[in-house]
PDB file of N, CA and C in Angstrom:
ATOM      1  N   MET A   1     -16.935   6.302 -10.729  1.00  0.00           N
ATOM      2  CA  MET A   1     -16.558   6.881 -11.278  1.00  0.00           C
ATOM      3  C   MET A   1     -15.127   7.159 -10.770  1.00  0.00           C
ATOM      4  N   ILE A   2     -15.439   7.942  -9.840  1.00  0.00           N
ATOM      5  CA  ILE A   2     -14.645   8.930  -9.283  1.00  0.00           C
ATOM      6  C   ILE A   2     -13.289   7.663  -8.797  1.00  0.00           C
ATOM      7  N   PHE A   3     -13.998   6.918  -8.191  1.00  0.00           N
ATOM      8  CA  PHE A   3     -13.228   6.040  -7.488  1.00  0.00           C
ATOM      9  C   PHE A   3     -12.202   5.326  -7.900  1.00  0.00           C
ATOM     10  N   ILE A   4     -12.163   5.201  -9.627  1.00  0.00           N
ATOM     11  CA  ILE A   4     -11.789   4.024 -10.276  1.00  0.00           C
ATOM     12  C   ILE A   4     -10.695   4.901 -10.684  1.00  0.00           C
ATOM     13  N   MET A   5     -11.050   6.411 -11.254  1.00  0.00           N
ATOM     14  CA  MET A   5     -10.051   7.406 -11.885  1.00  0.00           C
ATOM     15  C   MET A   5      -8.834   7.691 -10.925  1.00  0.00           C
ATOM     16  N   SER A   6      -9.345   7.924  -9.578  1.00  0.00           N
ATOM     17  CA  SER A   6      -8.311   7.803  -8.273  1.00  0.00           C
ATOM     18  C   SER A   6      -7.806   6.665  -8.443  1.00  0.00           C
ATOM     19  N   PHE A   7      -8.333   5.787  -8.258  1.00  0.00           N
ATOM     20  CA  PHE A   7      -7.404   4.538  -8.171  1.00  0.00           C
ATOM     21  C   PHE A   7      -6.285   4.155  -9.409  1.00  0.00           C
ATOM     22  N   LEU A   8      -6.759   4.686 -10.336  1.00  0.00           N
ATOM     23  CA  LEU A   8      -5.896   4.617 -11.200  1.00  0.00           C
ATOM     24  C   LEU A   8      -4.914   5.364 -11.745  1.00  0.00           C
ATOM     25  N   ILE A   9      -5.399   6.585 -11.327  1.00  0.00           N
ATOM     26  CA  ILE A   9      -3.533   7.742 -11.174  1.00  0.00           C
ATOM     27  C   ILE A   9      -2.924   7.355 -10.196  1.00  0.00           C
ATOM     28  N   THR A  10      -3.482   7.342  -9.198  1.00  0.00           N
ATOM     29  CA  THR A  10      -2.578   6.888  -7.744  1.00  0.00           C
ATOM     30  C   THR A  10      -1.550   5.305  -7.917  1.00  0.00           C
ATOM     31  N   PHE A  11      -2.218   4.422  -8.854  1.00  0.00           N
ATOM     32  CA  PHE A  11      -1.883   3.354  -9.301  1.00  0.00           C
ATOM     33  C   PHE A  11      -0.586   3.769  -9.783  1.00  0.00           C
ATOM     34  N   ILE A  12      -0.578   4.470 -10.867  1.00  0.00           N
ATOM     35  CA  ILE A  12       0.293   4.409 -12.157  1.00  0.00           C
ATOM     36  C   ILE A  12       1.358   5.538 -11.433  1.00  0.00           C
ATOM     37  N   PHE A  13       1.051   6.322 -10.421  1.00  0.00           N
ATOM     38  CA  PHE A  13       2.142   7.161  -9.841  1.00  0.00           C
ATOM     39  C   PHE A  13       3.027   6.308  -9.032  1.00  0.00           C
ATOM     40  N   TYR A  14       2.404   5.220  -8.080  1.00  0.00           N
ATOM     41  CA  TYR A  14       3.361   4.518  -7.286  1.00  0.00           C
ATOM     42  C   TYR A  14       3.974   3.635  -8.035  1.00  0.00           C
ATOM     43  N   SER A  15       3.537   3.386  -9.092  1.00  0.00           N
ATOM     44  CA  SER A  15       3.977   2.426 -10.250  1.00  0.00           C
ATOM     45  C   SER A  15       5.593   2.707 -10.605  1.00  0.00           C
ATOM     46  N   VAL A  16       5.498   4.067 -10.985  1.00  0.00           N
ATOM     47  CA  VAL A  16       6.280   4.959 -11.977  1.00  0.00           C
ATOM     48  C   VAL A  16       7.474   4.913 -10.631  1.00  0.00           C
ATOM     49  N   MET A  17       7.079   5.068  -9.500  1.00  0.00           N
ATOM     50  CA  MET A  17       7.886   5.934  -8.275  1.00  0.00           C
ATOM     51  C   MET A  17       8.736   4.145  -7.891  1.00  0.00           C
ATOM     52  N   PHE A  18       7.612   3.563  -7.669  1.00  0.00           N
ATOM     53  CA  PHE A  18       8.154   2.635  -7.207  1.00  0.00           C
ATOM     54  C   PHE A  18       9.438   1.748  -8.048  1.00  0.00           C
ATOM     55  N   ASN A  19       9.108   1.174  -9.573  1.00  0.00           N
ATOM     56  CA  ASN A  19      10.227   1.128 -10.237  1.00  0.00           C
ATOM     57  C   ASN A  19      11.439   2.144 -10.390  1.00  0.00           C
ATOM     58  N   ARG A  20      11.194   3.466 -10.351  1.00  0.00           N
ATOM     59  CA  ARG A  20      12.512   4.805 -10.777  1.00  0.00           C
ATOM     60  C   ARG A  20      13.332   4.030  -9.364  1.00  0.00           C
ATOM     61  N   LYS A  21      12.940   4.215  -7.890  1.00  0.00           N
ATOM     62  CA  LYS A  21      13.627   3.656  -7.099  1.00  0.00           C
ATOM     63  C   LYS A  21      14.426   2.290  -6.682  1.00  0.00           C
ATOM     64  N   LYS A  22      13.701   1.462  -7.841  1.00  0.00           N
ATOM     65  CA  LYS A  22      14.688   0.178  -8.033  1.00  0.00           C
ATOM     66  C   LYS A  22      15.654   0.768  -9.022  1.00  0.00           C
ATOM     67  N   ILE A  23      15.276   1.005  -9.771  1.00  0.00           N
ATOM     68  CA  ILE A  23      15.807   1.483 -11.209  1.00  0.00           C
ATOM     69  C   ILE A  23      17.411   2.327 -10.804  1.00  0.00           C
ATOM     70  N   LYS A  24      17.222   2.919 -10.006  1.00  0.00           N
ATOM     71  CA  LYS A  24      18.278   4.159  -9.901  1.00  0.00           C
ATOM     72  C   LYS A  24      19.292   3.726  -8.940  1.00  0.00           C
ATOM     73  N   ASN A  25      18.892   2.583  -7.656  1.00  0.00           N
ATOM     74  CA  ASN A  25      19.385   2.119  -6.826  1.00  0.00           C
ATOM     75  C   ASN A  25      19.341   1.198  -6.261  1.00  0.00           C
ATOM     76  N   LYS A  26      19.495   0.531  -6.535  1.00  0.00           N
ATOM     77  CA  LYS A  26      19.570  -1.251  -6.080  1.00  0.00           C
ATOM     78  C   LYS A  26      19.001  -1.493  -5.035  1.00  0.00           C
ATOM     79  N   LYS A  27      19.888  -1.073  -4.150  1.00  0.00           N
ATOM     80  CA  LYS A  27      20.291  -0.840  -2.684  1.00  0.00           C
ATOM     81  C   LYS A  27      19.041  -0.098  -1.722  1.00  0.00           C
ATOM     82  N   LYS A  28      18.281   0.780  -2.414  1.00  0.00           N
ATOM     83  CA  LYS A  28      17.447   1.750  -1.783  1.00  0.00           C
ATOM     84  C   LYS A  28      16.032   0.585  -1.701  1.00  0.00           C
ATOM     85  N   GLU A  29      15.379   0.550  -0.383  1.00  0.00           N
ATOM     86  CA  GLU A  29      13.955  -0.182  -0.517  1.00  0.00           C
ATOM     87  C   GLU A  29      13.149   0.814  -0.035  1.00  0.00           C
ATOM     88  N   VAL A  30      12.109   0.333  -0.993  1.00  0.00           N
ATOM     89  CA  VAL A  30      10.694   1.230  -0.185  1.00  0.00           C
ATOM     90  C   VAL A  30      10.320   0.853   1.186  1.00  0.00           C
ATOM     91  N   LEU A  31      10.072   2.053   1.707  1.00  0.00           N
ATOM     92  CA  LEU A  31       9.777   2.319   3.181  1.00  0.00           C
ATOM     93  C   LEU A  31       8.533   1.293   3.481  1.00  0.00           C
ATOM     94  N   GLU A  32       7.419   1.574   2.985  1.00  0.00           N
ATOM     95  CA  GLU A  32       6.202   0.945   3.205  1.00  0.00           C
ATOM     96  C   GLU A  32       7.029  -0.877   3.298  1.00  0.00           C
ATOM     97  N   ALA A  33       7.814  -1.248   2.185  1.00  0.00           N
ATOM     98  CA  ALA A  33       8.339  -2.603   1.956  1.00  0.00           C
ATOM     99  C   ALA A  33       8.852  -3.209   3.151  1.00  0.00           C
ATOM    100  N   LYS A  34      10.010  -1.817   3.693  1.00  0.00           N
ATOM    101  CA  LYS A  34      10.885  -2.187   4.788  1.00  0.00           C
ATOM    102  C   LYS A  34      10.503  -2.460   5.839  1.00  0.00           C
ATOM    103  N   LEU A  35       9.248  -1.769   6.595  1.00  0.00           N
ATOM    104  CA  LEU A  35       8.446  -2.195   8.007  1.00  0.00           C
ATOM    105  C   LEU A  35       7.695  -3.350   7.368  1.00  0.00           C
ATOM    106  N   LEU A  36       7.221  -3.885   6.300  1.00  0.00           N
ATOM    107  CA  LEU A  36       6.346  -4.771   6.751  1.00  0.00           C
ATOM    108  C   LEU A  36       7.503  -6.335   6.836  1.00  0.00           C
ATOM    109  N   ILE A  37       8.665  -5.996   6.108  1.00  0.00           N
ATOM    110  CA  ILE A  37      10.084  -7.430   6.441  1.00  0.00           C
ATOM    111  C   ILE A  37      10.033  -6.891   7.756  1.00  0.00           C
ATOM    112  N   ASN A  38      10.286  -5.718   8.088  1.00  0.00           N
ATOM    113  CA  ASN A  38      10.757  -5.536   9.540  1.00  0.00           C
ATOM    114  C   ASN A  38       9.802  -6.105  10.848  1.00  0.00           C
ATOM    115  N   LYS A  39       8.477  -5.853  10.938  1.00  0.00           N
ATOM    116  CA  LYS A  39       7.813  -6.126  11.695  1.00  0.00           C
ATOM    117  C   LYS A  39       7.371  -7.358  11.891  1.00  0.00           C
ATOM    118  N   TYR A  40       7.305  -7.980  10.683  1.00  0.00           N
ATOM    119  CA  TYR A  40       6.447  -9.477   9.842  1.00  0.00           C
ATOM    120  C   TYR A  40       7.315 -10.290   9.863  1.00  0.00           C
ATOM    121  N   LYS A  41       8.997  -9.911  10.426  1.00  0.00           N
ATOM    122  CA  LYS A  41      10.102 -10.938  10.224  1.00  0.00           C
ATOM    123  C   LYS A  41       9.793 -11.603   9.027  1.00  0.00           C
ATOM    124  N   LEU A  42       9.312 -11.126   7.739  1.00  0.00           N
ATOM    125  CA  LEU A  42       9.384 -11.422   6.462  1.00  0.00           C
ATOM    126  C   LEU A  42      10.931 -11.764   6.004  1.00  0.00           C
ATOM    127  N   ASN A  43      11.147 -13.193   4.871  1.00  0.00           N
ATOM    128  CA  ASN A  43      12.268 -13.712   4.839  1.00  0.00           C
ATOM    129  C   ASN A  43      12.240 -13.015   3.469  1.00  0.00           C
ATOM    130  N   ILE A  44      13.237 -11.857   3.041  1.00  0.00           N
ATOM    131  CA  ILE A  44      12.858 -11.362   1.691  1.00  0.00           C
ATOM    132  C   ILE A  44      13.492 -12.287   0.360  1.00  0.00           C
ATOM    133  N   LYS A  45      14.189 -13.735   0.933  1.00  0.00           N
ATOM    134  CA  LYS A  45      14.251 -14.620  -0.310  1.00  0.00           C
ATOM    135  C   LYS A  45      13.304 -15.540  -0.429  1.00  0.00           C
ATOM    136  N   LYS A  46      12.710 -15.647   0.176  1.00  0.00           N
ATOM    137  CA  LYS A  46      11.140 -16.654   0.219  1.00  0.00           C
ATOM    138  C   LYS A  46      10.338 -15.494  -0.353  1.00  0.00           C
ATOM    139  N   ILE A  47       9.911 -14.767  -0.357  1.00  0.00           N
ATOM    140  CA  ILE A  47       9.096 -14.068  -1.205  1.00  0.00           C
ATOM    141  C   ILE A  47       9.909 -12.990  -2.553  1.00  0.00           C
ATOM    142  N   LYS A  48       8.715 -12.585  -3.159  1.00  0.00           N
ATOM    143  CA  LYS A  48       9.411 -11.802  -4.432  1.00  0.00           C
ATOM    144  C   LYS A  48       8.752 -10.817  -3.784  1.00  0.00           C
ATOM    145  N   TYR A  49      10.462  -9.672  -4.098  1.00  0.00           N
ATOM    146  CA  TYR A  49      10.383  -8.844  -3.915  1.00  0.00           C
ATOM    147  C   TYR A  49       9.083  -7.821  -4.710  1.00  0.00           C
ATOM    148  N   LYS A  50       9.354  -8.052  -5.872  1.00  0.00           N
ATOM    149  CA  LYS A  50       8.589  -7.064  -7.255  1.00  0.00           C
ATOM    150  C   LYS A  50       7.215  -7.483  -7.024  1.00  0.00           C
ATOM    151  N   ASN A  51       7.012  -8.952  -6.450  1.00  0.00           N
ATOM    152  CA  ASN A  51       4.988  -8.606  -6.049  1.00  0.00           C
ATOM    153  C   ASN A  51       4.866  -8.197  -4.713  1.00  0.00           C
ATOM    154  N   LEU A  52       5.505  -8.206  -3.697  1.00  0.00           N
ATOM    155  CA  LEU A  52       5.617  -7.146  -2.638  1.00  0.00           C
ATOM    156  C   LEU A  52       5.544  -5.950  -2.784  1.00  0.00           C
ATOM    157  N   LEU A  53       5.954  -5.375  -4.131  1.00  0.00           N
ATOM    158  CA  LEU A  53       6.135  -3.669  -4.291  1.00  0.00           C
ATOM    159  C   LEU A  53       4.800  -3.323  -4.992  1.00  0.00           C
ATOM    160  N   PHE A  54       4.656  -4.699  -6.019  1.00  0.00           N
ATOM    161  CA  PHE A  54       2.955  -4.477  -6.896  1.00  0.00           C
ATOM    162  C   PHE A  54       2.116  -4.467  -5.527  1.00  0.00           C
ATOM    163  N   ILE A  55       1.655  -5.138  -4.859  1.00  0.00           N
ATOM    164  CA  ILE A  55       0.716  -5.614  -4.050  1.00  0.00           C
ATOM    165  C   ILE A  55       1.057  -3.689  -2.498  1.00  0.00           C
ATOM    166  N   ILE A  56       1.683  -3.783  -2.808  1.00  0.00           N
ATOM    167  CA  ILE A  56       2.120  -2.161  -1.699  1.00  0.00           C
ATOM    168  C   ILE A  56       1.345  -0.810  -2.654  1.00  0.00           C
ATOM    169  N   SER A  57       1.503  -1.233  -4.104  1.00  0.00           N
ATOM    170  CA  SER A  57       1.145  -0.137  -5.060  1.00  0.00           C
ATOM    171  C   SER A  57      -0.295  -0.249  -4.692  1.00  0.00           C
ATOM    172  N   ILE A  58      -1.084  -1.433  -5.048  1.00  0.00           N
ATOM    173  CA  ILE A  58      -2.179  -1.562  -4.895  1.00  0.00           C
ATOM    174  C   ILE A  58      -2.837  -1.261  -3.634  1.00  0.00           C
ATOM    175  N   ILE A  59      -2.512  -1.209  -2.769  1.00  0.00           N
ATOM    176  CA  ILE A  59      -2.866  -1.213  -1.217  1.00  0.00           C
ATOM    177  C   ILE A  59      -2.793   0.213  -1.241  1.00  0.00           C
ATOM    178  N   ASN A  60      -2.029   1.465  -1.588  1.00  0.00           N
ATOM    179  CA  ASN A  60      -1.853   2.641  -0.792  1.00  0.00           C
ATOM    180  C   ASN A  60      -2.494   3.190  -2.289  1.00  0.00           C
ATOM    181  N   SER A  61      -3.042   2.904  -3.360  1.00  0.00           N
ATOM    182  CA  SER A  61      -3.733   2.791  -4.320  1.00  0.00           C
ATOM    183  C   SER A  61      -5.056   2.912  -3.733  1.00  0.00           C
ATOM    184  N   THR A  62      -5.394   2.190  -3.042  1.00  0.00           N
ATOM    185  CA  THR A  62      -6.918   1.492  -2.872  1.00  0.00           C
ATOM    186  C   THR A  62      -7.177   2.729  -1.612  1.00  0.00           C
ATOM    187  N   ILE A  63      -5.997   3.005  -0.973  1.00  0.00           N
ATOM    188  CA  ILE A  63      -6.592   3.572   0.513  1.00  0.00           C
ATOM    189  C   ILE A  63      -6.789   4.757  -0.347  1.00  0.00           C
ATOM    190  N   VAL A  64      -5.899   5.707  -1.175  1.00  0.00           N
ATOM    191  CA  VAL A  64      -6.248   6.550  -1.262  1.00  0.00           C
ATOM    192  C   VAL A  64      -7.479   7.126  -2.443  1.00  0.00           C
ATOM    193  N   ALA A  65      -7.570   6.154  -3.190  1.00  0.00           N
ATOM    194  CA  ALA A  65      -9.048   6.830  -4.097  1.00  0.00           C
ATOM    195  C   ALA A  65      -9.783   5.702  -2.944  1.00  0.00           C
ATOM    196  N   PHE A  66     -10.173   5.344  -2.191  1.00  0.00           N
ATOM    197  CA  PHE A  66     -11.211   4.999  -1.093  1.00  0.00           C
ATOM    198  C   PHE A  66     -11.645   6.411  -0.473  1.00  0.00           C
ATOM    199  N   THR A  67     -10.144   6.975   0.408  1.00  0.00           N
ATOM    200  CA  THR A  67     -10.158   8.437   1.208  1.00  0.00           C
ATOM    201  C   THR A  67     -10.663   9.257   0.370  1.00  0.00           C
ATOM    202  N   PHE A  68     -10.025   9.233  -0.785  1.00  0.00           N
ATOM    203  CA  PHE A  68     -10.767  10.503  -1.840  1.00  0.00           C
ATOM    204  C   PHE A  68     -11.729  10.311  -2.193  1.00  0.00           C
ATOM    205  N   THR A  69     -12.501   9.405  -2.131  1.00  0.00           N
ATOM    206  CA  THR A  69     -13.995   9.335  -2.800  1.00  0.00           C
ATOM    207  C   THR A  69     -15.020   9.573  -1.468  1.00  0.00           C
ATOM    208  N   ALA A  70     -14.607   8.921  -0.696  1.00  0.00           N
ATOM    209  CA  ALA A  70     -15.350   9.515   1.016  1.00  0.00           C
ATOM    210  C   ALA A  70     -15.085  11.080   1.012  1.00  0.00           C
ATOM    211  N   VAL A  71     -14.161  11.341   0.902  1.00  0.00           N
ATOM    212  CA  VAL A  71     -14.280  13.137   1.149  1.00  0.00           C
ATOM    213  C   VAL A  71     -14.718  13.580   0.399  1.00  0.00           C
ATOM    214  N   PHE A  72     -14.550  13.401  -1.066  1.00  0.00           N
ATOM    215  CA  PHE A  72     -15.282  14.331  -2.000  1.00  0.00           C
ATOM    216  C   PHE A  72     -17.021  14.579  -1.966  1.00  0.00           C
ATOM    217  N   TYR A  73     -17.463  13.369  -1.545  1.00  0.00           N
ATOM    218  CA  TYR A  73     -18.994  13.737  -1.387  1.00  0.00           C
ATOM    219  C   TYR A  73     -19.512  14.273  -0.281  1.00  0.00           C
ATOM    220  N   VAL A  74     -18.684  14.518   0.648  1.00  0.00           N
ATOM    221  CA  VAL A  74     -18.822  15.007   2.114  1.00  0.00           C
ATOM    222  C   VAL A  74     -18.723  16.930   2.139  1.00  0.00           C
ATOM    223  N   LYS A  75     -20.181  17.630   2.008  1.00  0.00           N
ATOM    224  CA  LYS A  75     -20.041  19.202   2.149  1.00  0.00           C
ATOM    225  C   LYS A  75     -19.111  19.753   3.141  1.00  0.00           C
ATOM    226  N   ASN A  76     -19.575  19.397   4.107  1.00  0.00           N
ATOM    227  CA  ASN A  76     -18.703  19.838   5.495  1.00  0.00           C
ATOM    228  C   ASN A  76     -17.045  19.976   4.990  1.00  0.00           C
ATOM    229  N   TYR A  77     -16.262  20.978   4.885  1.00  0.00           N
ATOM    230  CA  TYR A  77     -14.643  21.022   4.969  1.00  0.00           C
ATOM    231  C   TYR A  77     -14.122  19.929   6.331  1.00  0.00           C
ATOM    232  N   LEU A  78     -14.429  20.294   7.541  1.00  0.00           N
ATOM    233  CA  LEU A  78     -13.932  20.041   8.465  1.00  0.00           C
ATOM    234  C   LEU A  78     -14.630  18.225   9.145  1.00  0.00           C
ATOM    235  N   VAL A  79     -15.960  18.239   8.203  1.00  0.00           N
ATOM    236  CA  VAL A  79     -16.810  16.675   8.627  1.00  0.00           C
ATOM    237  C   VAL A  79     -15.402  16.099   7.912  1.00  0.00           C
ATOM    238  N   GLY A  80     -15.484  16.341   6.221  1.00  0.00           N
ATOM    239  CA  GLY A  80     -14.720  15.357   5.768  1.00  0.00           C
ATOM    240  C   GLY A  80     -13.296  15.330   5.630  1.00  0.00           C
ATOM    241  N   LEU A  81     -12.896  16.391   6.514  1.00  0.00           N
ATOM    242  CA  LEU A  81     -10.881  16.116   7.208  1.00  0.00           C
ATOM    243  C   LEU A  81     -10.960  15.028   7.770  1.00  0.00           C
ATOM    244  N   LEU A  82     -11.805  15.765   8.911  1.00  0.00           N
ATOM    245  CA  LEU A  82     -11.984  14.401  10.323  1.00  0.00           C
ATOM    246  C   LEU A  82     -12.496  12.915   9.722  1.00  0.00           C
ATOM    247  N   ILE A  83     -13.013  13.219   8.289  1.00  0.00           N
ATOM    248  CA  ILE A  83     -13.694  11.434   7.900  1.00  0.00           C
ATOM    249  C   ILE A  83     -12.033  11.272   7.405  1.00  0.00           C
ATOM    250  N   GLY A  84     -11.984  11.556   6.176  1.00  0.00           N
ATOM    251  CA  GLY A  84     -10.924  11.379   5.594  1.00  0.00           C
ATOM    252  C   GLY A  84      -9.235  11.160   6.556  1.00  0.00           C
ATOM    253  N   PHE A  85      -9.099  11.947   7.756  1.00  0.00           N
ATOM    254  CA  PHE A  85      -7.978  11.365   8.721  1.00  0.00           C
ATOM    255  C   PHE A  85      -8.755   9.840   9.153  1.00  0.00           C
ATOM    256  N   ILE A  86      -9.554   9.220   9.361  1.00  0.00           N
ATOM    257  CA  ILE A  86      -9.736   8.292  10.066  1.00  0.00           C
ATOM    258  C   ILE A  86      -9.839   7.860   8.863  1.00  0.00           C
ATOM    259  N   LEU A  87     -10.637   7.424   8.300  1.00  0.00           N
ATOM    260  CA  LEU A  87     -10.657   5.942   6.858  1.00  0.00           C
ATOM    261  C   LEU A  87      -8.644   5.999   6.660  1.00  0.00           C
ATOM    262  N   LEU A  88      -7.947   6.746   6.773  1.00  0.00           N
ATOM    263  CA  LEU A  88      -6.813   6.696   6.228  1.00  0.00           C
ATOM    264  C   LEU A  88      -6.241   5.617   7.751  1.00  0.00           C
ATOM    265  N   ILE A  89      -5.990   6.058   8.759  1.00  0.00           N
ATOM    266  CA  ILE A  89      -5.539   5.766   9.736  1.00  0.00           C
ATOM    267  C   ILE A  89      -6.238   4.280  10.073  1.00  0.00           C
ATOM    268  N   ILE A  90      -7.472   3.803   9.852  1.00  0.00           N
ATOM    269  CA  ILE A  90      -8.302   2.365   9.853  1.00  0.00           C
ATOM    270  C   ILE A  90      -7.967   1.692   8.658  1.00  0.00           C
ATOM    271  N   LEU A  91      -7.632   2.419   7.026  1.00  0.00           N
ATOM    272  CA  LEU A  91      -7.444   1.326   6.026  1.00  0.00           C
ATOM    273  C   LEU A  91      -5.576   1.190   5.923  1.00  0.00           C
ATOM    274  N   THR A  92      -5.430   2.178   6.414  1.00  0.00           N
ATOM    275  CA  THR A  92      -3.556   1.357   6.305  1.00  0.00           C
ATOM    276  C   THR A  92      -3.457   0.794   7.495  1.00  0.00           C
ATOM    277  N   CYS A  93      -3.564   0.451   8.654  1.00  0.00           N
ATOM    278  CA  CYS A  93      -3.485  -0.176   9.587  1.00  0.00           C
ATOM    279  C   CYS A  93      -4.695  -1.431   9.353  1.00  0.00           C
ATOM    280  N   SER A  94      -5.206  -1.668   8.964  1.00  0.00           N
ATOM    281  CA  SER A  94      -5.807  -3.135   8.368  1.00  0.00           C
ATOM    282  C   SER A  94      -5.055  -3.678   7.589  1.00  0.00           C
ATOM    283  N   LEU A  95      -5.319  -2.906   6.174  1.00  0.00           N
ATOM    284  CA  LEU A  95      -4.952  -3.625   4.797  1.00  0.00           C
ATOM    285  C   LEU A  95      -3.532  -3.923   4.639  1.00  0.00           C
ATOM    286  N   TYR A  96      -2.388  -3.108   5.845  1.00  0.00           N
ATOM    287  CA  TYR A  96      -1.071  -3.382   5.617  1.00  0.00           C
ATOM    288  C   TYR A  96      -1.222  -4.883   7.062  1.00  0.00           C
ATOM    289  N   GLU A  97      -1.950  -4.995   8.201  1.00  0.00           N
ATOM    290  CA  GLU A  97      -1.438  -5.928   8.767  1.00  0.00           C
ATOM    291  C   GLU A  97      -2.249  -6.846   7.994  1.00  0.00           C
ATOM    292  N   ILE A  98      -3.128  -7.153   7.269  1.00  0.00           N
ATOM    293  CA  ILE A  98      -3.747  -8.162   6.743  1.00  0.00           C
ATOM    294  C   ILE A  98      -2.638  -8.815   5.452  1.00  0.00           C
ATOM    295  N   THR A  99      -1.637  -7.725   5.050  1.00  0.00           N
ATOM    296  CA  THR A  99      -0.912  -8.235   3.684  1.00  0.00           C
ATOM    297  C   THR A  99       0.471  -8.605   4.428  1.00  0.00           C
ATOM    298  N   GLY A 100       0.420  -8.237   5.832  1.00  0.00           N
ATOM    299  CA  GLY A 100       2.169  -8.850   6.625  1.00  0.00           C
ATOM    300  C   GLY A 100       1.893  -9.942   7.302  1.00  0.00           C
ATOM    301  N   ARG A 101       0.600 -10.168   7.487  1.00  0.00           N
ATOM    302  CA  ARG A 101      -0.289 -11.765   7.686  1.00  0.00           C
ATOM    303  C   ARG A 101      -0.157 -12.490   7.015  1.00  0.00           C
ATOM    304  N   TYR A 102      -0.545 -12.348   5.572  1.00  0.00           N
ATOM    305  CA  TYR A 102      -0.317 -12.927   4.583  1.00  0.00           C
ATOM    306  C   TYR A 102       1.339 -13.576   4.022  1.00  0.00           C
ATOM    307  N   TYR A 103       1.773 -12.769   3.959  1.00  0.00           N
ATOM    308  CA  TYR A 103       3.100 -12.571   3.786  1.00  0.00           C
ATOM    309  C   TYR A 103       3.834 -14.020   5.002  1.00  0.00           C
ATOM    310  N   GLN A 104       3.543 -13.557   5.696  1.00  0.00           N
ATOM    311  CA  GLN A 104       4.039 -14.363   6.835  1.00  0.00           C
ATOM    312  C   GLN A 104       3.682 -15.473   6.938  1.00  0.00           C
ATOM    313  N   LYS A 105       2.597 -16.104   6.617  1.00  0.00           N
ATOM    314  CA  LYS A 105       2.226 -17.327   6.291  1.00  0.00           C
ATOM    315  C   LYS A 105       2.747 -17.915   5.150  1.00  0.00           C
ATOM    316  N   LYS A 106       2.803 -17.086   4.041  1.00  0.00           N
ATOM    317  CA  LYS A 106       3.318 -17.615   2.756  1.00  0.00           C
ATOM    318  C   LYS A 106       4.696 -17.971   2.940  1.00  0.00           C
ATOM    319  N   GLY A 107       5.364 -16.929   3.977  1.00  0.00           N
ATOM    320  CA  GLY A 107       6.866 -17.827   3.926  1.00  0.00           C
ATOM    321  C   GLY A 107       7.326 -18.147   4.663  1.00  0.00           C
ATOM    322  N   SER A 108       6.543 -18.851   6.152  1.00  0.00           N
ATOM    323  CA  SER A 108       6.408 -19.810   6.185  1.00  0.00           C
ATOM    324  C   SER A 108       6.509 -21.254   6.042  1.00  0.00           C
ATOM    325  N   LYS A 109       5.961 -21.350   4.415  1.00  0.00           N
ATOM    326  CA  LYS A 109       5.517 -22.584   3.829  1.00  0.00           C
ATOM    327  C   LYS A 109       6.933 -22.885   3.201  1.00  0.00           C
ATOM    328  N   LYS A 110       7.391 -23.507   2.785  1.00  0.00           N
ATOM    329  CA  LYS A 110       8.898 -24.331   2.382  1.00  0.00           C
ATOM    330  C   LYS A 110       9.095 -24.051   0.885  1.00  0.00           C
ATOM    331  N   ASP A 111       7.976 -24.347   0.600  1.00  0.00           N
ATOM    332  CA  ASP A 111       8.004 -24.379  -1.104  1.00  0.00           C
ATOM    333  C   ASP A 111       7.960 -22.995  -1.638  1.00  0.00           C
ATOM    334  N   VAL A 112       7.654 -22.337  -1.135  1.00  0.00           N
ATOM    335  CA  VAL A 112       7.175 -20.825  -1.706  1.00  0.00           C
ATOM    336  C   VAL A 112       8.212 -20.438  -2.548  1.00  0.00           C
TER     337      VAL A 112
END
């Protein structure tokens, strides 16, 4: 229950923030999307930027919700802080790596 509530709250927050940035200034890109595009050399013309923003908001919400849920059940403050920090690093690296490779393979197809 805690995971679902924290996931929904962070997902709504990220969705609102991404849409606000997009409406406010069309040239302003989201940092996570910019890093994925540069690191994996994604062709922005072949992938849909809106879908990429949606996936990024799901990834960020999952990372925050999972970390929050894990830290919530730990009673010791320092152990909880350590677990949260380690989970943030592992989840961020792994989920963005998977997403980058997925879009890299998807972008290499001709009919995307």
